[in-house]
PDB file of N, CA and C in Angstrom:
ATOM      1  N   UNK A   1     114.325 -81.695 -84.877  1.00  0.00           N
ATOM      2  CA  UNK A   1     113.015 -80.646 -84.921  1.00  0.00           C
ATOM      3  C   UNK A   1     113.540 -79.756 -83.793  1.00  0.00           C
ATOM      4  N   UNK A   2     113.787 -78.366 -84.248  1.00  0.00           N
ATOM      5  CA  UNK A   2     114.148 -77.541 -83.228  1.00  0.00           C
ATOM      6  C   UNK A   2     112.697 -77.079 -82.381  1.00  0.00           C
ATOM      7  N   UNK A   3     112.692 -76.857 -80.990  1.00  0.00           N
ATOM      8  CA  UNK A   3     111.664 -76.328 -80.501  1.00  0.00           C
ATOM      9  C   UNK A   3     110.962 -75.415 -80.822  1.00  0.00           C
ATOM     10  N   UNK A   4     111.423 -74.330 -81.652  1.00  0.00           N
ATOM     11  CA  UNK A   4     110.789 -73.283 -82.455  1.00  0.00           C
ATOM     12  C   UNK A   4     109.596 -73.818 -83.283  1.00  0.00           C
ATOM     13  N   UNK A   5     110.185 -75.120 -83.900  1.00  0.00           N
ATOM     14  CA  UNK A   5     109.065 -75.625 -85.057  1.00  0.00           C
ATOM     15  C   UNK A   5     108.050 -76.557 -84.293  1.00  0.00           C
ATOM     16  N   UNK A   6     107.770 -76.724 -82.775  1.00  0.00           N
ATOM     17  CA  UNK A   6     106.931 -77.494 -81.913  1.00  0.00           C
ATOM     18  C   UNK A   6     106.008 -76.542 -81.726  1.00  0.00           C
ATOM     19  N   UNK A   7     104.715 -77.285 -81.488  1.00  0.00           N
ATOM     20  CA  UNK A   7     103.176 -76.847 -80.627  1.00  0.00           C
ATOM     21  C   UNK A   7     103.686 -77.912 -79.526  1.00  0.00           C
ATOM     22  N   UNK A   8     103.499 -77.151 -78.339  1.00  0.00           N
ATOM     23  CA  UNK A   8     103.432 -77.842 -76.883  1.00  0.00           C
ATOM     24  C   UNK A   8     102.194 -77.659 -76.175  1.00  0.00           C
ATOM     25  N   UNK A   9     101.446 -76.452 -76.048  1.00  0.00           N
ATOM     26  CA  UNK A   9     100.776 -75.880 -75.356  1.00  0.00           C
ATOM     27  C   UNK A   9      99.200 -76.301 -75.896  1.00  0.00           C
ATOM     28  N   UNK A  10      98.270 -76.509 -74.554  1.00  0.00           N
ATOM     29  CA  UNK A  10      96.964 -77.372 -75.249  1.00  0.00           C
ATOM     30  C   UNK A  10      96.155 -75.869 -75.987  1.00  0.00           C
ATOM     31  N   UNK A  11      96.449 -75.098 -75.459  1.00  0.00           N
ATOM     32  CA  UNK A  11      95.704 -73.811 -76.161  1.00  0.00           C
ATOM     33  C   UNK A  11      96.201 -73.224 -77.932  1.00  0.00           C
ATOM     34  N   UNK A  12      97.437 -73.739 -78.123  1.00  0.00           N
ATOM     35  CA  UNK A  12      97.675 -73.763 -79.514  1.00  0.00           C
ATOM     36  C   UNK A  12      97.323 -75.067 -80.238  1.00  0.00           C
ATOM     37  N   UNK A  13      97.127 -76.211 -79.475  1.00  0.00           N
ATOM     38  CA  UNK A  13      96.232 -77.144 -80.352  1.00  0.00           C
ATOM     39  C   UNK A  13      95.043 -76.905 -80.436  1.00  0.00           C
ATOM     40  N   UNK A  14      94.467 -76.727 -79.550  1.00  0.00           N
ATOM     41  CA  UNK A  14      92.840 -76.602 -79.499  1.00  0.00           C
ATOM     42  C   UNK A  14      92.538 -75.099 -80.664  1.00  0.00           C
ATOM     43  N   UNK A  15      93.422 -74.204 -80.678  1.00  0.00           N
ATOM     44  CA  UNK A  15      93.026 -73.289 -81.692  1.00  0.00           C
ATOM     45  C   UNK A  15      93.084 -73.922 -83.244  1.00  0.00           C
ATOM     46  N   UNK A  16      94.270 -74.705 -83.006  1.00  0.00           N
ATOM     47  CA  UNK A  16      94.392 -75.065 -84.694  1.00  0.00           C
ATOM     48  C   UNK A  16      93.027 -76.120 -84.991  1.00  0.00           C
ATOM     49  N   UNK A  17      92.580 -77.176 -83.928  1.00  0.00           N
ATOM     50  CA  UNK A  17      91.602 -77.742 -84.079  1.00  0.00           C
ATOM     51  C   UNK A  17      90.293 -76.914 -84.251  1.00  0.00           C
ATOM     52  N   UNK A  18      90.067 -75.748 -83.876  1.00  0.00           N
ATOM     53  CA  UNK A  18      88.813 -75.433 -84.076  1.00  0.00           C
ATOM     54  C   UNK A  18      88.911 -74.206 -84.926  1.00  0.00           C
ATOM     55  N   UNK A  19      90.022 -73.842 -85.326  1.00  0.00           N
ATOM     56  CA  UNK A  19      90.051 -72.809 -86.491  1.00  0.00           C
ATOM     57  C   UNK A  19      90.588 -73.282 -87.683  1.00  0.00           C
ATOM     58  N   UNK A  20      91.251 -74.230 -87.770  1.00  0.00           N
ATOM     59  CA  UNK A  20      91.741 -74.992 -89.215  1.00  0.00           C
ATOM     60  C   UNK A  20      91.043 -75.741 -89.946  1.00  0.00           C
ATOM     61  N   UNK A  21      91.792 -76.313 -90.770  1.00  0.00           N
ATOM     62  CA  UNK A  21      91.263 -77.066 -91.756  1.00  0.00           C
ATOM     63  C   UNK A  21      91.630 -78.516 -91.439  1.00  0.00           C
ATOM     64  N   UNK A  22      91.458 -79.676 -92.144  1.00  0.00           N
ATOM     65  CA  UNK A  22      91.482 -81.022 -92.125  1.00  0.00           C
ATOM     66  C   UNK A  22      91.509 -81.613 -93.334  1.00  0.00           C
ATOM     67  N   UNK A  23      92.571 -82.702 -93.347  1.00  0.00           N
ATOM     68  CA  UNK A  23      92.731 -83.780 -94.292  1.00  0.00           C
ATOM     69  C   UNK A  23      93.158 -84.921 -93.511  1.00  0.00           C
ATOM     70  N   UNK A  24      92.689 -86.116 -93.986  1.00  0.00           N
ATOM     71  CA  UNK A  24      93.030 -87.468 -93.586  1.00  0.00           C
ATOM     72  C   UNK A  24      93.507 -88.519 -94.275  1.00  0.00           C
ATOM     73  N   UNK A  25      93.737 -89.571 -93.640  1.00  0.00           N
ATOM     74  CA  UNK A  25      93.899 -90.779 -94.772  1.00  0.00           C
ATOM     75  C   UNK A  25      93.735 -91.828 -93.799  1.00  0.00           C
ATOM     76  N   UNK A  26      94.032 -93.335 -94.066  1.00  0.00           N
ATOM     77  CA  UNK A  26      93.685 -94.541 -92.930  1.00  0.00           C
ATOM     78  C   UNK A  26      94.213 -94.347 -91.839  1.00  0.00           C
ATOM     79  N   UNK A  27      95.723 -93.560 -91.948  1.00  0.00           N
ATOM     80  CA  UNK A  27      96.617 -93.363 -90.878  1.00  0.00           C
ATOM     81  C   UNK A  27      96.943 -92.310 -90.314  1.00  0.00           C
ATOM     82  N   UNK A  28      96.958 -90.970 -90.380  1.00  0.00           N
ATOM     83  CA  UNK A  28      96.975 -90.062 -89.894  1.00  0.00           C
ATOM     84  C   UNK A  28      95.722 -88.957 -90.822  1.00  0.00           C
ATOM     85  N   UNK A  29      95.664 -88.156 -89.149  1.00  0.00           N
ATOM     86  CA  UNK A  29      94.713 -86.994 -89.649  1.00  0.00           C
ATOM     87  C   UNK A  29      95.603 -85.576 -89.092  1.00  0.00           C
ATOM     88  N   UNK A  30      95.288 -84.730 -90.283  1.00  0.00           N
ATOM     89  CA  UNK A  30      96.272 -83.422 -90.282  1.00  0.00           C
ATOM     90  C   UNK A  30      95.200 -82.406 -90.285  1.00  0.00           C
ATOM     91  N   UNK A  31      95.686 -81.422 -89.645  1.00  0.00           N
ATOM     92  CA  UNK A  31      94.591 -80.178 -89.123  1.00  0.00           C
ATOM     93  C   UNK A  31      95.717 -79.361 -89.078  1.00  0.00           C
ATOM     94  N   UNK A  32      95.335 -78.221 -90.300  1.00  0.00           N
ATOM     95  CA  UNK A  32      96.245 -76.954 -90.382  1.00  0.00           C
ATOM     96  C   UNK A  32      95.764 -75.643 -90.276  1.00  0.00           C
ATOM     97  N   UNK A  33      96.349 -74.748 -89.646  1.00  0.00           N
ATOM     98  CA  UNK A  33      96.062 -73.529 -89.905  1.00  0.00           C
ATOM     99  C   UNK A  33      97.301 -72.240 -90.027  1.00  0.00           C
ATOM    100  N   UNK A  34      96.753 -71.512 -91.238  1.00  0.00           N
ATOM    101  CA  UNK A  34      97.772 -70.511 -91.397  1.00  0.00           C
ATOM    102  C   UNK A  34      97.914 -69.381 -90.686  1.00  0.00           C
ATOM    103  N   UNK A  35      99.408 -69.121 -90.524  1.00  0.00           N
ATOM    104  CA  UNK A  35      99.582 -67.832 -89.431  1.00  0.00           C
ATOM    105  C   UNK A  35     100.579 -66.989 -89.946  1.00  0.00           C
ATOM    106  N   UNK A  36     100.362 -66.255 -90.289  1.00  0.00           N
ATOM    107  CA  UNK A  36     100.829 -64.949 -91.125  1.00  0.00           C
ATOM    108  C   UNK A  36     102.164 -64.438 -90.477  1.00  0.00           C
ATOM    109  N   UNK A  37     102.303 -64.470 -89.461  1.00  0.00           N
ATOM    110  CA  UNK A  37     103.429 -63.887 -88.427  1.00  0.00           C
ATOM    111  C   UNK A  37     104.279 -64.703 -88.120  1.00  0.00           C
ATOM    112  N   UNK A  38     104.227 -66.333 -88.827  1.00  0.00           N
ATOM    113  CA  UNK A  38     105.430 -67.007 -88.458  1.00  0.00           C
ATOM    114  C   UNK A  38     106.598 -67.036 -89.660  1.00  0.00           C
ATOM    115  N   UNK A  39     107.710 -67.535 -89.562  1.00  0.00           N
ATOM    116  CA  UNK A  39     108.266 -67.352 -90.754  1.00  0.00           C
ATOM    117  C   UNK A  39     108.708 -69.043 -90.815  1.00  0.00           C
ATOM    118  N   UNK A  40     108.137 -69.917 -89.908  1.00  0.00           N
ATOM    119  CA  UNK A  40     108.669 -71.460 -90.364  1.00  0.00           C
ATOM    120  C   UNK A  40     107.133 -72.078 -90.010  1.00  0.00           C
ATOM    121  N   UNK A  41     106.664 -73.675 -90.236  1.00  0.00           N
ATOM    122  CA  UNK A  41     105.714 -74.331 -90.367  1.00  0.00           C
ATOM    123  C   UNK A  41     106.266 -74.562 -88.543  1.00  0.00           C
ATOM    124  N   UNK A  42     105.117 -74.509 -87.539  1.00  0.00           N
ATOM    125  CA  UNK A  42     105.169 -75.852 -86.976  1.00  0.00           C
ATOM    126  C   UNK A  42     104.209 -77.047 -86.503  1.00  0.00           C
ATOM    127  N   UNK A  43     104.766 -77.865 -85.902  1.00  0.00           N
ATOM    128  CA  UNK A  43     104.048 -79.176 -85.907  1.00  0.00           C
ATOM    129  C   UNK A  43     103.862 -79.469 -84.512  1.00  0.00           C
ATOM    130  N   UNK A  44     102.589 -80.458 -84.208  1.00  0.00           N
ATOM    131  CA  UNK A  44     102.400 -80.919 -82.974  1.00  0.00           C
ATOM    132  C   UNK A  44     101.518 -82.223 -83.007  1.00  0.00           C
ATOM    133  N   UNK A  45     102.266 -83.159 -82.156  1.00  0.00           N
ATOM    134  CA  UNK A  45     101.941 -84.509 -82.388  1.00  0.00           C
ATOM    135  C   UNK A  45     100.848 -85.284 -81.308  1.00  0.00           C
ATOM    136  N   UNK A  46      99.923 -85.819 -82.080  1.00  0.00           N
ATOM    137  CA  UNK A  46      99.208 -86.411 -81.533  1.00  0.00           C
ATOM    138  C   UNK A  46      99.015 -87.732 -81.376  1.00  0.00           C
ATOM    139  N   UNK A  47      99.310 -88.642 -80.415  1.00  0.00           N
ATOM    140  CA  UNK A  47      99.571 -90.262 -80.487  1.00  0.00           C
ATOM    141  C   UNK A  47      98.637 -90.835 -79.495  1.00  0.00           C
ATOM    142  N   UNK A  48      97.494 -91.453 -79.644  1.00  0.00           N
ATOM    143  CA  UNK A  48      96.520 -91.914 -78.190  1.00  0.00           C
ATOM    144  C   UNK A  48      97.133 -93.056 -77.773  1.00  0.00           C
ATOM    145  N   UNK A  49      96.916 -93.310 -76.489  1.00  0.00           N
ATOM    146  CA  UNK A  49      97.312 -94.387 -75.757  1.00  0.00           C
ATOM    147  C   UNK A  49      96.682 -96.193 -76.364  1.00  0.00           C
ATOM    148  N   UNK A  50      95.435 -95.484 -77.211  1.00  0.00           N
ATOM    149  CA  UNK A  50      95.038 -96.927 -77.801  1.00  0.00           C
ATOM    150  C   UNK A  50      95.696 -98.112 -78.796  1.00  0.00           C
ATOM    151  N   UNK A  51      96.958 -96.893 -79.416  1.00  0.00           N
ATOM    152  CA  UNK A  51      97.820 -97.335 -80.487  1.00  0.00           C
ATOM    153  C   UNK A  51      98.895 -98.168 -79.812  1.00  0.00           C
ATOM    154  N   UNK A  52      98.812 -98.020 -78.352  1.00  0.00           N
ATOM    155  CA  UNK A  52     100.072 -99.382 -77.998  1.00  0.00           C
ATOM    156  C   UNK A  52     101.008 -98.363 -76.860  1.00  0.00           C
ATOM    157  N   UNK A  53     101.620 -99.223 -75.929  1.00  0.00           N
ATOM    158  CA  UNK A  53     102.396 -98.680 -74.754  1.00  0.00           C
ATOM    159  C   UNK A  53     103.283 -97.353 -75.356  1.00  0.00           C
ATOM    160  N   UNK A  54     104.268 -96.900 -74.094  1.00  0.00           N
ATOM    161  CA  UNK A  54     105.142 -95.851 -74.590  1.00  0.00           C
ATOM    162  C   UNK A  54     105.839 -95.783 -75.321  1.00  0.00           C
ATOM    163  N   UNK A  55     106.441 -97.277 -75.421  1.00  0.00           N
ATOM    164  CA  UNK A  55     107.872 -97.247 -76.514  1.00  0.00           C
ATOM    165  C   UNK A  55     106.971 -97.338 -77.839  1.00  0.00           C
ATOM    166  N   UNK A  56     105.967 -97.535 -78.286  1.00  0.00           N
ATOM    167  CA  UNK A  56     105.227 -97.860 -79.631  1.00  0.00           C
ATOM    168  C   UNK A  56     104.558 -96.097 -79.761  1.00  0.00           C
ATOM    169  N   UNK A  57     103.920 -95.566 -78.877  1.00  0.00           N
ATOM    170  CA  UNK A  57     103.945 -94.359 -79.192  1.00  0.00           C
ATOM    171  C   UNK A  57     105.160 -93.502 -79.563  1.00  0.00           C
ATOM    172  N   UNK A  58     106.175 -93.299 -78.638  1.00  0.00           N
ATOM    173  CA  UNK A  58     107.075 -92.309 -78.796  1.00  0.00           C
ATOM    174  C   UNK A  58     108.043 -92.953 -80.270  1.00  0.00           C
ATOM    175  N   UNK A  59     108.053 -94.269 -81.003  1.00  0.00           N
ATOM    176  CA  UNK A  59     108.101 -94.619 -81.777  1.00  0.00           C
ATOM    177  C   UNK A  59     107.912 -94.176 -83.151  1.00  0.00           C
ATOM    178  N   UNK A  60     106.087 -94.124 -83.146  1.00  0.00           N
ATOM    179  CA  UNK A  60     105.293 -93.175 -84.135  1.00  0.00           C
ATOM    180  C   UNK A  60     105.962 -91.614 -84.398  1.00  0.00           C
ATOM    181  N   UNK A  61     105.862 -91.069 -83.010  1.00  0.00           N
ATOM    182  CA  UNK A  61     106.348 -89.495 -82.857  1.00  0.00           C
ATOM    183  C   UNK A  61     107.841 -89.646 -83.407  1.00  0.00           C
ATOM    184  N   UNK A  62     108.261 -90.350 -83.306  1.00  0.00           N
ATOM    185  CA  UNK A  62     110.053 -90.156 -83.937  1.00  0.00           C
ATOM    186  C   UNK A  62     110.000 -90.319 -85.344  1.00  0.00           C
ATOM    187  N   UNK A  63     109.227 -91.226 -85.772  1.00  0.00           N
ATOM    188  CA  UNK A  63     108.817 -91.459 -87.466  1.00  0.00           C
ATOM    189  C   UNK A  63     108.483 -90.359 -87.893  1.00  0.00           C
ATOM    190  N   UNK A  64     107.585 -89.440 -87.214  1.00  0.00           N
ATOM    191  CA  UNK A  64     106.789 -88.560 -87.742  1.00  0.00           C
ATOM    192  C   UNK A  64     107.418 -87.171 -88.059  1.00  0.00           C
ATOM    193  N   UNK A  65     108.273 -86.908 -86.811  1.00  0.00           N
ATOM    194  CA  UNK A  65     109.238 -85.887 -86.506  1.00  0.00           C
ATOM    195  C   UNK A  65     110.027 -86.139 -87.807  1.00  0.00           C
ATOM    196  N   UNK A  66     111.064 -87.052 -87.954  1.00  0.00           N
ATOM    197  CA  UNK A  66     111.928 -87.784 -88.769  1.00  0.00           C
ATOM    198  C   UNK A  66     111.512 -87.247 -90.358  1.00  0.00           C
ATOM    199  N   UNK A  67     110.214 -87.849 -90.660  1.00  0.00           N
ATOM    200  CA  UNK A  67     109.744 -87.324 -91.919  1.00  0.00           C
ATOM    201  C   UNK A  67     109.764 -85.719 -92.478  1.00  0.00           C
ATOM    202  N   UNK A  68     109.043 -85.151 -91.081  1.00  0.00           N
ATOM    203  CA  UNK A  68     108.539 -83.768 -91.221  1.00  0.00           C
ATOM    204  C   UNK A  68     110.469 -83.405 -91.726  1.00  0.00           C
ATOM    205  N   UNK A  69     111.331 -83.676 -90.773  1.00  0.00           N
ATOM    206  CA  UNK A  69     112.556 -83.093 -91.052  1.00  0.00           C
ATOM    207  C   UNK A  69     113.013 -83.265 -92.057  1.00  0.00           C
ATOM    208  N   UNK A  70     112.634 -84.414 -93.030  1.00  0.00           N
ATOM    209  CA  UNK A  70     113.244 -84.692 -94.233  1.00  0.00           C
ATOM    210  C   UNK A  70     112.276 -83.714 -95.258  1.00  0.00           C
ATOM    211  N   UNK A  71     111.109 -83.463 -94.738  1.00  0.00           N
ATOM    212  CA  UNK A  71     110.481 -82.619 -95.850  1.00  0.00           C
ATOM    213  C   UNK A  71     110.273 -81.295 -95.583  1.00  0.00           C
ATOM    214  N   UNK A  72     110.985 -80.589 -94.709  1.00  0.00           N
ATOM    215  CA  UNK A  72     110.943 -79.771 -94.259  1.00  0.00           C
ATOM    216  C   UNK A  72     111.261 -78.301 -95.344  1.00  0.00           C
ATOM    217  N   UNK A  73     112.010 -78.855 -96.368  1.00  0.00           N
ATOM    218  CA  UNK A  73     112.019 -77.817 -97.236  1.00  0.00           C
ATOM    219  C   UNK A  73     111.032 -77.660 -98.404  1.00  0.00           C
ATOM    220  N   UNK A  74     110.269 -78.604 -98.426  1.00  0.00           N
ATOM    221  CA  UNK A  74     109.057 -78.660 -99.096  1.00  0.00           C
ATOM    222  C   UNK A  74     107.786 -77.888 -98.740  1.00  0.00           C
ATOM    223  N   UNK A  75     107.556 -78.165 -97.489  1.00  0.00           N
ATOM    224  CA  UNK A  75     106.450 -77.618 -96.695  1.00  0.00           C
ATOM    225  C   UNK A  75     106.504 -76.044 -96.929  1.00  0.00           C
ATOM    226  N   UNK A  76     105.238 -75.816 -96.817  1.00  0.00           N
ATOM    227  CA  UNK A  76     104.761 -74.177 -97.019  1.00  0.00           C
ATOM    228  C   UNK A  76     105.064 -73.513 -95.430  1.00  0.00           C
ATOM    229  N   UNK A  77     105.831 -72.704 -95.634  1.00  0.00           N
ATOM    230  CA  UNK A  77     106.085 -71.763 -94.297  1.00  0.00           C
ATOM    231  C   UNK A  77     104.860 -71.058 -93.832  1.00  0.00           C
ATOM    232  N   UNK A  78     104.823 -70.647 -92.781  1.00  0.00           N
ATOM    233  CA  UNK A  78     103.325 -69.932 -92.033  1.00  0.00           C
ATOM    234  C   UNK A  78     102.107 -70.766 -91.814  1.00  0.00           C
ATOM    235  N   UNK A  79     102.806 -72.179 -91.338  1.00  0.00           N
ATOM    236  CA  UNK A  79     101.436 -72.945 -91.032  1.00  0.00           C
ATOM    237  C   UNK A  79     101.699 -73.411 -89.528  1.00  0.00           C
ATOM    238  N   UNK A  80     100.180 -73.610 -88.604  1.00  0.00           N
ATOM    239  CA  UNK A  80     100.604 -74.592 -87.954  1.00  0.00           C
ATOM    240  C   UNK A  80     100.294 -76.062 -88.001  1.00  0.00           C
ATOM    241  N   UNK A  81     100.646 -76.748 -88.202  1.00  0.00           N
ATOM    242  CA  UNK A  81     100.210 -78.060 -88.690  1.00  0.00           C
ATOM    243  C   UNK A  81     100.361 -79.319 -87.095  1.00  0.00           C
ATOM    244  N   UNK A  82      99.174 -79.831 -87.007  1.00  0.00           N
ATOM    245  CA  UNK A  82      98.834 -81.034 -85.851  1.00  0.00           C
ATOM    246  C   UNK A  82      98.261 -82.447 -86.558  1.00  0.00           C
ATOM    247  N   UNK A  83      99.264 -83.199 -86.116  1.00  0.00           N
ATOM    248  CA  UNK A  83      98.832 -84.708 -86.878  1.00  0.00           C
ATOM    249  C   UNK A  83      98.604 -85.754 -85.767  1.00  0.00           C
ATOM    250  N   UNK A  84      97.855 -86.285 -86.175  1.00  0.00           N
ATOM    251  CA  UNK A  84      97.032 -87.190 -85.325  1.00  0.00           C
ATOM    252  C   UNK A  84      97.169 -88.676 -85.789  1.00  0.00           C
ATOM    253  N   UNK A  85      98.069 -89.943 -85.245  1.00  0.00           N
ATOM    254  CA  UNK A  85      98.203 -90.679 -85.837  1.00  0.00           C
ATOM    255  C   UNK A  85      96.814 -91.886 -85.316  1.00  0.00           C
ATOM    256  N   UNK A  86      96.492 -92.256 -86.356  1.00  0.00           N
ATOM    257  CA  UNK A  86      95.105 -93.694 -85.764  1.00  0.00           C
ATOM    258  C   UNK A  86      96.031 -94.978 -86.111  1.00  0.00           C
ATOM    259  N   UNK A  87      95.056 -95.921 -85.814  1.00  0.00           N
ATOM    260  CA  UNK A  87      95.130 -97.252 -85.488  1.00  0.00           C
ATOM    261  C   UNK A  87      96.194 -97.977 -86.047  1.00  0.00           C
ATOM    262  N   UNK A  88      96.100 -97.822 -87.565  1.00  0.00           N
ATOM    263  CA  UNK A  88      96.944 -98.664 -88.510  1.00  0.00           C
ATOM    264  C   UNK A  88      98.331 -98.066 -88.556  1.00  0.00           C
ATOM    265  N   UNK A  89      98.869 -97.029 -88.258  1.00  0.00           N
ATOM    266  CA  UNK A  89      99.896 -96.254 -88.069  1.00  0.00           C
ATOM    267  C   UNK A  89     101.212 -96.985 -86.728  1.00  0.00           C
ATOM    268  N   UNK A  90     100.478 -97.860 -86.074  1.00  0.00           N
ATOM    269  CA  UNK A  90     101.465 -98.439 -85.021  1.00  0.00           C
ATOM    270  C   UNK A  90     102.083 -99.989 -85.625  1.00  0.00           C
ATOM    271  N   UNK A  91     101.419-100.184 -87.137  1.00  0.00           N
ATOM    272  CA  UNK A  91     102.168-101.369 -87.449  1.00  0.00           C
ATOM    273  C   UNK A  91     102.884-101.196 -88.725  1.00  0.00           C
ATOM    274  N   UNK A  92     103.497 -99.614 -89.060  1.00  0.00           N
ATOM    275  CA  UNK A  92     103.842 -99.508 -89.941  1.00  0.00           C
ATOM    276  C   UNK A  92     105.334 -98.773 -89.649  1.00  0.00           C
ATOM    277  N   UNK A  93     106.123 -98.791 -90.839  1.00  0.00           N
ATOM    278  CA  UNK A  93     107.669 -98.238 -90.748  1.00  0.00           C
ATOM    279  C   UNK A  93     107.772 -97.286 -90.713  1.00  0.00           C
ATOM    280  N   UNK A  94     109.145 -96.473 -90.878  1.00  0.00           N
ATOM    281  CA  UNK A  94     109.237 -95.271 -91.044  1.00  0.00           C
ATOM    282  C   UNK A  94     108.766 -95.140 -92.636  1.00  0.00           C
ATOM    283  N   UNK A  95     109.187 -95.389 -93.257  1.00  0.00           N
ATOM    284  CA  UNK A  95     108.930 -95.355 -95.174  1.00  0.00           C
ATOM    285  C   UNK A  95     107.544 -95.075 -95.273  1.00  0.00           C
ATOM    286  N   UNK A  96     106.519 -96.123 -94.462  1.00  0.00           N
ATOM    287  CA  UNK A  96     105.414 -95.974 -95.061  1.00  0.00           C
ATOM    288  C   UNK A  96     104.478 -94.508 -94.062  1.00  0.00           C
ATOM    289  N   UNK A  97     105.393 -94.577 -93.150  1.00  0.00           N
ATOM    290  CA  UNK A  97     104.430 -93.449 -92.373  1.00  0.00           C
ATOM    291  C   UNK A  97     104.963 -92.231 -92.987  1.00  0.00           C
ATOM    292  N   UNK A  98     106.045 -91.848 -93.458  1.00  0.00           N
ATOM    293  CA  UNK A  98     106.661 -91.015 -94.291  1.00  0.00           C
ATOM    294  C   UNK A  98     105.397 -90.945 -95.469  1.00  0.00           C
ATOM    295  N   UNK A  99     105.458 -91.999 -96.146  1.00  0.00           N
ATOM    296  CA  UNK A  99     104.554 -91.706 -97.481  1.00  0.00           C
ATOM    297  C   UNK A  99     103.381 -91.571 -97.207  1.00  0.00           C
ATOM    298  N   UNK A 100     102.755 -91.789 -96.106  1.00  0.00           N
ATOM    299  CA  UNK A 100     101.138 -91.337 -95.676  1.00  0.00           C
ATOM    300  C   UNK A 100     101.232 -89.788 -95.417  1.00  0.00           C
ATOM    301  N   UNK A 101     102.226 -89.143 -94.640  1.00  0.00           N
ATOM    302  CA  UNK A 101     102.074 -88.038 -94.320  1.00  0.00           C
ATOM    303  C   UNK A 101     102.444 -87.312 -95.520  1.00  0.00           C
ATOM    304  N   UNK A 102     103.224 -87.453 -96.291  1.00  0.00           N
ATOM    305  CA  UNK A 102     103.527 -86.697 -97.699  1.00  0.00           C
ATOM    306  C   UNK A 102     101.739 -87.064 -98.734  1.00  0.00           C
ATOM    307  N   UNK A 103     101.366 -87.917 -98.413  1.00  0.00           N
ATOM    308  CA  UNK A 103      99.972 -88.030 -98.973  1.00  0.00           C
ATOM    309  C   UNK A 103      99.541 -87.014 -98.541  1.00  0.00           C
ATOM    310  N   UNK A 104      98.899 -86.884 -96.936  1.00  0.00           N
ATOM    311  CA  UNK A 104      98.038 -85.865 -96.598  1.00  0.00           C
ATOM    312  C   UNK A 104      98.739 -84.465 -96.861  1.00  0.00           C
ATOM    313  N   UNK A 105      99.603 -84.308 -96.819  1.00  0.00           N
ATOM    314  CA  UNK A 105     100.503 -82.725 -96.826  1.00  0.00           C
ATOM    315  C   UNK A 105     100.021 -82.318 -98.419  1.00  0.00           C
ATOM    316  N   UNK A 106     100.253 -83.779 -99.799  1.00  0.00           N
ATOM    317  CA  UNK A 106      99.704 -82.935-100.843  1.00  0.00           C
ATOM    318  C   UNK A 106      98.386 -83.104-100.924  1.00  0.00           C
ATOM    319  N   UNK A 107      97.672 -83.519-100.798  1.00  0.00           N
ATOM    320  CA  UNK A 107      95.910 -83.517-100.634  1.00  0.00           C
ATOM    321  C   UNK A 107      95.500 -82.221 -99.852  1.00  0.00           C
ATOM    322  N   UNK A 108      96.249 -81.481 -98.819  1.00  0.00           N
ATOM    323  CA  UNK A 108      95.968 -80.271 -98.094  1.00  0.00           C
ATOM    324  C   UNK A 108      96.766 -78.963 -99.204  1.00  0.00           C
ATOM    325  N   UNK A 109      97.597 -79.683-100.013  1.00  0.00           N
ATOM    326  CA  UNK A 109      98.066 -78.682-100.781  1.00  0.00           C
ATOM    327  C   UNK A 109      99.339 -77.789-100.074  1.00  0.00           C
ATOM    328  N   UNK A 110     100.061 -78.369 -98.972  1.00  0.00           N
ATOM    329  CA  UNK A 110     100.840 -77.331 -98.289  1.00  0.00           C
ATOM    330  C   UNK A 110     102.534 -78.030 -98.866  1.00  0.00           C
ATOM    331  N   UNK A 111     102.598 -79.132 -99.726  1.00  0.00           N
ATOM    332  CA  UNK A 111     103.614 -79.063-100.206  1.00  0.00           C
ATOM    333  C   UNK A 111     104.294 -77.809-101.398  1.00  0.00           C
ATOM    334  N   UNK A 112     105.551 -77.643-101.415  1.00  0.00           N
ATOM    335  CA  UNK A 112     105.833 -76.606-102.797  1.00  0.00           C
ATOM    336  C   UNK A 112     105.611 -77.688-104.020  1.00  0.00           C
ATOM    337  N   UNK A 113     105.924 -78.798-104.049  1.00  0.00           N
ATOM    338  CA  UNK A 113     106.198 -79.812-105.156  1.00  0.00           C
ATOM    339  C   UNK A 113     105.868 -80.959-104.821  1.00  0.00           C
ATOM    340  N   UNK A 114     105.584 -82.074-106.256  1.00  0.00           N
ATOM    341  CA  UNK A 114     105.089 -83.366-106.139  1.00  0.00           C
ATOM    342  C   UNK A 114     105.833 -83.816-105.407  1.00  0.00           C
ATOM    343  N   UNK A 115     106.160 -84.891-104.653  1.00  0.00           N
ATOM    344  CA  UNK A 115     107.154 -85.869-104.252  1.00  0.00           C
ATOM    345  C   UNK A 115     106.976 -87.396-104.813  1.00  0.00           C
ATOM    346  N   UNK A 116     107.835 -87.708-105.852  1.00  0.00           N
ATOM    347  CA  UNK A 116     108.107 -88.989-106.418  1.00  0.00           C
ATOM    348  C   UNK A 116     108.379 -90.194-105.735  1.00  0.00           C
ATOM    349  N   UNK A 117     107.451 -91.029-105.707  1.00  0.00           N
ATOM    350  CA  UNK A 117     108.378 -92.301-104.733  1.00  0.00           C
ATOM    351  C   UNK A 117     108.664 -93.336-105.770  1.00  0.00           C
TER     352      UNK A 117
END
């Protein structure tokens, strides 16, 4: 994922939390906010220390980034997205995390088309 596609600053995270909308399932929480001036979406990832040690947290973030990379053509541009991983996600593999992310994106109507499994 390119650096221009990432949210890094705390102020940007807080703006999405305070001004955006959210959808959630058991594994992930998605906050999103429309930004008209952007030409592509940006993502921010949050994985708590409660989910495990650094290796586990980094693995979850890698899985989420890869899932976004595979779905990037189907996601609406002009949005800032923040994904928060919940406890069950530390027991999941890549395909399960991608399916969970797709579910949250479809519920929030951020996907251009319906993804079949």
